[in-house]
Structures are given as C-alpha cells and as structure tokens.
Amino acid sequence: MAEGSANCIDILIAIILPPLGVFLKHGCGHEFWICLLLTFLGYIPGIIYAVYAITKY
C-alpha cells in the first residue's frame, strides 16, 4: 500500500514539473533528457512522457 502512495505522489510531481518527476524516479538517464526536451517543446508532451516513464517500470 505504501508503494501505491509513492506512485501517486510521483505522478502528481510529474504533472506539476515533468522532468523533476522523471529525475526522482530514474535519475539523470536518457528518460530524464527525453522528458526535458519534450517539456521544452511543449508542456503537455512532457507530462505525457513523464507519466509514461514513471508508470512503465
């Protein structure tokens, strides 16, 4: 149950600031850089990718 709560918090952070949510979950890997690029190109694609990257694993 605690892991589900952390996952919801991660998703909430990803909606507010997508690269931060991905960074907290995966570190400074390629997921972070893709999310940062998508967030610069458009906020909504960054959110979509961040939620995908967080829930993928």
PDB file of N, CA and C in Angstrom:
ATOM      1  N   MET A   1       0.820  -1.189   0.000  1.00  0.00           N
ATOM      2  CA  MET A   1       0.000   0.000   0.000  1.00  0.00           C
ATOM      3  C   MET A   1       0.870   1.261   0.000  1.00  0.00           C
ATOM      4  N   ALA A   2       1.993   1.236   0.683  1.00  0.00           N
ATOM      5  CA  ALA A   2       2.861   2.409   0.715  1.00  0.00           C
ATOM      6  C   ALA A   2       3.460   2.687  -0.652  1.00  0.00           C
ATOM      7  N   GLU A   3       3.734   1.624  -1.415  1.00  0.00           N
ATOM      8  CA  GLU A   3       4.301   1.826  -2.746  1.00  0.00           C
ATOM      9  C   GLU A   3       3.294   2.502  -3.670  1.00  0.00           C
ATOM     10  N   GLY A   4       2.012   2.194  -3.547  1.00  0.00           N
ATOM     11  CA  GLY A   4       0.980   2.855  -4.343  1.00  0.00           C
ATOM     12  C   GLY A   4       0.890   4.335  -4.024  1.00  0.00           C
ATOM     13  N   SER A   5       1.070   4.696  -2.764  1.00  0.00           N
ATOM     14  CA  SER A   5       1.042   6.104  -2.381  1.00  0.00           C
ATOM     15  C   SER A   5       2.221   6.851  -2.983  1.00  0.00           C
ATOM     16  N   ALA A   6       3.382   6.237  -2.970  1.00  0.00           N
ATOM     17  CA  ALA A   6       4.549   6.882  -3.561  1.00  0.00           C
ATOM     18  C   ALA A   6       4.364   7.046  -5.054  1.00  0.00           C
ATOM     19  N   ASN A   7       3.731   6.084  -5.696  1.00  0.00           N
ATOM     20  CA  ASN A   7       3.496   6.172  -7.121  1.00  0.00           C
ATOM     21  C   ASN A   7       2.549   7.327  -7.441  1.00  0.00           C
ATOM     22  N   CYS A   8       1.528   7.531  -6.629  1.00  0.00           N
ATOM     23  CA  CYS A   8       0.610   8.653  -6.841  1.00  0.00           C
ATOM     24  C   CYS A   8       1.322   9.988  -6.638  1.00  0.00           C
ATOM     25  N   ILE A   9       2.197  10.051  -5.664  1.00  0.00           N
ATOM     26  CA  ILE A   9       2.956  11.274  -5.423  1.00  0.00           C
ATOM     27  C   ILE A   9       3.902  11.533  -6.593  1.00  0.00           C
ATOM     28  N   ASP A  10       4.527  10.465  -7.104  1.00  0.00           N
ATOM     29  CA  ASP A  10       5.406  10.615  -8.269  1.00  0.00           C
ATOM     30  C   ASP A  10       4.642  11.144  -9.470  1.00  0.00           C
ATOM     31  N   ILE A  11       3.447  10.642  -9.685  1.00  0.00           N
ATOM     32  CA  ILE A  11       2.632  11.099 -10.818  1.00  0.00           C
ATOM     33  C   ILE A  11       2.206  12.546 -10.616  1.00  0.00           C
ATOM     34  N   LEU A  12       1.865  12.918  -9.403  1.00  0.00           N
ATOM     35  CA  LEU A  12       1.486  14.305  -9.120  1.00  0.00           C
ATOM     36  C   LEU A  12       2.663  15.251  -9.375  1.00  0.00           C
ATOM     37  N   ILE A  13       3.856  14.867  -8.964  1.00  0.00           N
ATOM     38  CA  ILE A  13       5.049  15.684  -9.236  1.00  0.00           C
ATOM     39  C   ILE A  13       5.299  15.759 -10.736  1.00  0.00           C
ATOM     40  N   ALA A  14       5.063  14.645 -11.444  1.00  0.00           N
ATOM     41  CA  ALA A  14       5.264  14.628 -12.896  1.00  0.00           C
ATOM     42  C   ALA A  14       4.287  15.545 -13.611  1.00  0.00           C
ATOM     43  N   ILE A  15       3.102  15.711 -13.084  1.00  0.00           N
ATOM     44  CA  ILE A  15       2.136  16.615 -13.705  1.00  0.00           C
ATOM     45  C   ILE A  15       2.530  18.072 -13.453  1.00  0.00           C
ATOM     46  N   ILE A  16       3.020  18.359 -12.268  1.00  0.00           N
ATOM     47  CA  ILE A  16       3.397  19.736 -11.941  1.00  0.00           C
ATOM     48  C   ILE A  16       4.698  20.130 -12.655  1.00  0.00           C
ATOM     49  N   LEU A  17       5.716  19.274 -12.570  1.00  0.00           N
ATOM     50  CA  LEU A  17       7.017  19.547 -13.191  1.00  0.00           C
ATOM     51  C   LEU A  17       7.565  18.228 -13.744  1.00  0.00           C
ATOM     52  N   PRO A  18       7.261  17.927 -15.008  1.00  0.00           N
ATOM     53  CA  PRO A  18       7.570  16.607 -15.568  1.00  0.00           C
ATOM     54  C   PRO A  18       9.026  16.155 -15.438  1.00  0.00           C
ATOM     55  N   PRO A  19      10.035  16.972 -15.757  1.00  0.00           N
ATOM     56  CA  PRO A  19      11.406  16.464 -15.637  1.00  0.00           C
ATOM     57  C   PRO A  19      11.800  16.101 -14.200  1.00  0.00           C
ATOM     58  N   LEU A  20      11.272  16.825 -13.230  1.00  0.00           N
ATOM     59  CA  LEU A  20      11.587  16.517 -11.837  1.00  0.00           C
ATOM     60  C   LEU A  20      11.037  15.151 -11.442  1.00  0.00           C
ATOM     61  N   GLY A  21       9.826  14.850 -11.863  1.00  0.00           N
ATOM     62  CA  GLY A  21       9.250  13.543 -11.551  1.00  0.00           C
ATOM     63  C   GLY A  21      10.048  12.406 -12.146  1.00  0.00           C
ATOM     64  N   VAL A  22      10.493  12.574 -13.379  1.00  0.00           N
ATOM     65  CA  VAL A  22      11.299  11.535 -14.024  1.00  0.00           C
ATOM     66  C   VAL A  22      12.670  11.444 -13.362  1.00  0.00           C
ATOM     67  N   PHE A  23      13.248  12.581 -13.008  1.00  0.00           N
ATOM     68  CA  PHE A  23      14.558  12.575 -12.345  1.00  0.00           C
ATOM     69  C   PHE A  23      14.495  11.853 -11.009  1.00  0.00           C
ATOM     70  N   LEU A  24      13.451  12.088 -10.232  1.00  0.00           N
ATOM     71  CA  LEU A  24      13.332  11.440  -8.932  1.00  0.00           C
ATOM     72  C   LEU A  24      13.150   9.932  -9.064  1.00  0.00           C
ATOM     73  N   LYS A  25      12.552   9.492 -10.150  1.00  0.00           N
ATOM     74  CA  LYS A  25      12.304   8.064 -10.342  1.00  0.00           C
ATOM     75  C   LYS A  25      13.483   7.354 -11.018  1.00  0.00           C
ATOM     76  N   HIS A  26      14.095   7.975 -12.028  1.00  0.00           N
ATOM     77  CA  HIS A  26      15.099   7.297 -12.843  1.00  0.00           C
ATOM     78  C   HIS A  26      16.491   7.910 -12.759  1.00  0.00           C
ATOM     79  N   GLY A  27      16.645   9.050 -12.144  1.00  0.00           N
ATOM     80  CA  GLY A  27      17.953   9.694 -12.109  1.00  0.00           C
ATOM     81  C   GLY A  27      18.206  10.459 -13.401  1.00  0.00           C
ATOM     82  N   CYS A  28      19.456  10.685 -13.701  1.00  0.00           N
ATOM     83  CA  CYS A  28      19.820  11.518 -14.851  1.00  0.00           C
ATOM     84  C   CYS A  28      20.130  10.660 -16.075  1.00  0.00           C
ATOM     85  N   GLY A  29      19.237   9.732 -16.371  1.00  0.00           N
ATOM     86  CA  GLY A  29      19.412   8.855 -17.526  1.00  0.00           C
ATOM     87  C   GLY A  29      18.753   9.431 -18.764  1.00  0.00           C
ATOM     88  N   HIS A  30      18.616   8.579 -19.768  1.00  0.00           N
ATOM     89  CA  HIS A  30      18.042   9.060 -21.024  1.00  0.00           C
ATOM     90  C   HIS A  30      16.560   9.411 -20.888  1.00  0.00           C
ATOM     91  N   GLU A  31      15.847   8.802 -19.929  1.00  0.00           N
ATOM     92  CA  GLU A  31      14.449   9.157 -19.716  1.00  0.00           C
ATOM     93  C   GLU A  31      14.307  10.622 -19.305  1.00  0.00           C
ATOM     94  N   PHE A  32      15.212  11.069 -18.446  1.00  0.00           N
ATOM     95  CA  PHE A  32      15.178  12.459 -17.989  1.00  0.00           C
ATOM     96  C   PHE A  32      15.398  13.429 -19.138  1.00  0.00           C
ATOM     97  N   TRP A  33      16.388  13.147 -19.987  1.00  0.00           N
ATOM     98  CA  TRP A  33      16.717  14.070 -21.071  1.00  0.00           C
ATOM     99  C   TRP A  33      15.609  14.106 -22.124  1.00  0.00           C
ATOM    100  N   ILE A  34      14.997  12.967 -22.382  1.00  0.00           N
ATOM    101  CA  ILE A  34      13.865  12.952 -23.322  1.00  0.00           C
ATOM    102  C   ILE A  34      12.716  13.774 -22.748  1.00  0.00           C
ATOM    103  N   CYS A  35      12.444  13.607 -21.473  1.00  0.00           N
ATOM    104  CA  CYS A  35      11.359  14.359 -20.839  1.00  0.00           C
ATOM    105  C   CYS A  35      11.665  15.856 -20.823  1.00  0.00           C
ATOM    106  N   LEU A  36      12.894  16.216 -20.561  1.00  0.00           N
ATOM    107  CA  LEU A  36      13.275  17.629 -20.557  1.00  0.00           C
ATOM    108  C   LEU A  36      13.092  18.243 -21.943  1.00  0.00           C
ATOM    109  N   LEU A  37      13.508  17.537 -22.962  1.00  0.00           N
ATOM    110  CA  LEU A  37      13.349  18.024 -24.333  1.00  0.00           C
ATOM    111  C   LEU A  37      11.871  18.162 -24.692  1.00  0.00           C
ATOM    112  N   LEU A  38      11.073  17.160 -24.354  1.00  0.00           N
ATOM    113  CA  LEU A  38       9.640  17.236 -24.662  1.00  0.00           C
ATOM    114  C   LEU A  38       8.947  18.345 -23.885  1.00  0.00           C
ATOM    115  N   THR A  39       9.397  18.591 -22.666  1.00  0.00           N
ATOM    116  CA  THR A  39       8.809  19.675 -21.881  1.00  0.00           C
ATOM    117  C   THR A  39       9.148  21.031 -22.478  1.00  0.00           C
ATOM    118  N   PHE A  40      10.366  21.182 -22.991  1.00  0.00           N
ATOM    119  CA  PHE A  40      10.726  22.435 -23.658  1.00  0.00           C
ATOM    120  C   PHE A  40       9.934  22.629 -24.941  1.00  0.00           C
ATOM    121  N   LEU A  41       9.681  21.555 -25.664  1.00  0.00           N
ATOM    122  CA  LEU A  41       8.935  21.657 -26.918  1.00  0.00           C
ATOM    123  C   LEU A  41       7.445  21.884 -26.680  1.00  0.00           C
ATOM    124  N   GLY A  42       6.944  21.387 -25.582  1.00  0.00           N
ATOM    125  CA  GLY A  42       5.541  21.573 -25.248  1.00  0.00           C
ATOM    126  C   GLY A  42       5.266  20.938 -23.902  1.00  0.00           C
ATOM    127  N   TYR A  43       4.548  21.618 -23.062  1.00  0.00           N
ATOM    128  CA  TYR A  43       4.347  21.148 -21.695  1.00  0.00           C
ATOM    129  C   TYR A  43       3.557  19.840 -21.654  1.00  0.00           C
ATOM    130  N   ILE A  44       2.531  19.720 -22.478  1.00  0.00           N
ATOM    131  CA  ILE A  44       1.671  18.530 -22.481  1.00  0.00           C
ATOM    132  C   ILE A  44       2.439  17.277 -22.915  1.00  0.00           C
ATOM    133  N   PRO A  45       3.243  17.312 -23.996  1.00  0.00           N
ATOM    134  CA  PRO A  45       4.031  16.109 -24.320  1.00  0.00           C
ATOM    135  C   PRO A  45       4.997  15.710 -23.203  1.00  0.00           C
ATOM    136  N   GLY A  46       5.529  16.674 -22.486  1.00  0.00           N
ATOM    137  CA  GLY A  46       6.400  16.375 -21.351  1.00  0.00           C
ATOM    138  C   GLY A  46       5.651  15.649 -20.245  1.00  0.00           C
ATOM    139  N   ILE A  47       4.430  16.087 -19.972  1.00  0.00           N
ATOM    140  CA  ILE A  47       3.608  15.428 -18.947  1.00  0.00           C
ATOM    141  C   ILE A  47       3.279  14.001 -19.369  1.00  0.00           C
ATOM    142  N   ILE A  48       2.873  13.841 -20.619  1.00  0.00           N
ATOM    143  CA  ILE A  48       2.501  12.511 -21.106  1.00  0.00           C
ATOM    144  C   ILE A  48       3.691  11.552 -21.008  1.00  0.00           C
ATOM    145  N   TYR A  49       4.856  12.000 -21.446  1.00  0.00           N
ATOM    146  CA  TYR A  49       6.028  11.133 -21.379  1.00  0.00           C
ATOM    147  C   TYR A  49       6.441  10.869 -19.934  1.00  0.00           C
ATOM    148  N   ALA A  50       6.349  11.866 -19.071  1.00  0.00           N
ATOM    149  CA  ALA A  50       6.735  11.673 -17.674  1.00  0.00           C
ATOM    150  C   ALA A  50       5.849  10.633 -16.996  1.00  0.00           C
ATOM    151  N   VAL A  51       4.552  10.721 -17.216  1.00  0.00           N
ATOM    152  CA  VAL A  51       3.643   9.736 -16.619  1.00  0.00           C
ATOM    153  C   VAL A  51       3.937   8.356 -17.189  1.00  0.00           C
ATOM    154  N   TYR A  52       4.204   8.286 -18.483  1.00  0.00           N
ATOM    155  CA  TYR A  52       4.550   7.001 -19.108  1.00  0.00           C
ATOM    156  C   TYR A  52       5.842   6.446 -18.523  1.00  0.00           C
ATOM    157  N   ALA A  53       6.866   7.283 -18.401  1.00  0.00           N
ATOM    158  CA  ALA A  53       8.168   6.807 -17.886  1.00  0.00           C
ATOM    159  C   ALA A  53       8.074   6.377 -16.432  1.00  0.00           C
ATOM    160  N   ILE A  54       7.236   7.023 -15.650  1.00  0.00           N
ATOM    161  CA  ILE A  54       7.105   6.661 -14.249  1.00  0.00           C
ATOM    162  C   ILE A  54       6.313   5.367 -14.080  1.00  0.00           C
ATOM    163  N   THR A  55       5.262   5.194 -14.858  1.00  0.00           N
ATOM    164  CA  THR A  55       4.426   4.012 -14.701  1.00  0.00           C
ATOM    165  C   THR A  55       4.932   2.813 -15.496  1.00  0.00           C
ATOM    166  N   LYS A  56       5.903   3.032 -16.393  1.00  0.00           N
ATOM    167  CA  LYS A  56       6.425   1.948 -17.222  1.00  0.00           C
ATOM    168  C   LYS A  56       7.117   0.886 -16.382  1.00  0.00           C
ATOM    169  N   TYR A  57       7.813   1.269 -15.347  1.00  0.00           N
ATOM    170  CA  TYR A  57       8.583   0.316 -14.548  1.00  0.00           C
ATOM    171  C   TYR A  57       7.851  -0.050 -13.291  1.00  0.00           C
TER     172      TYR A  57
END
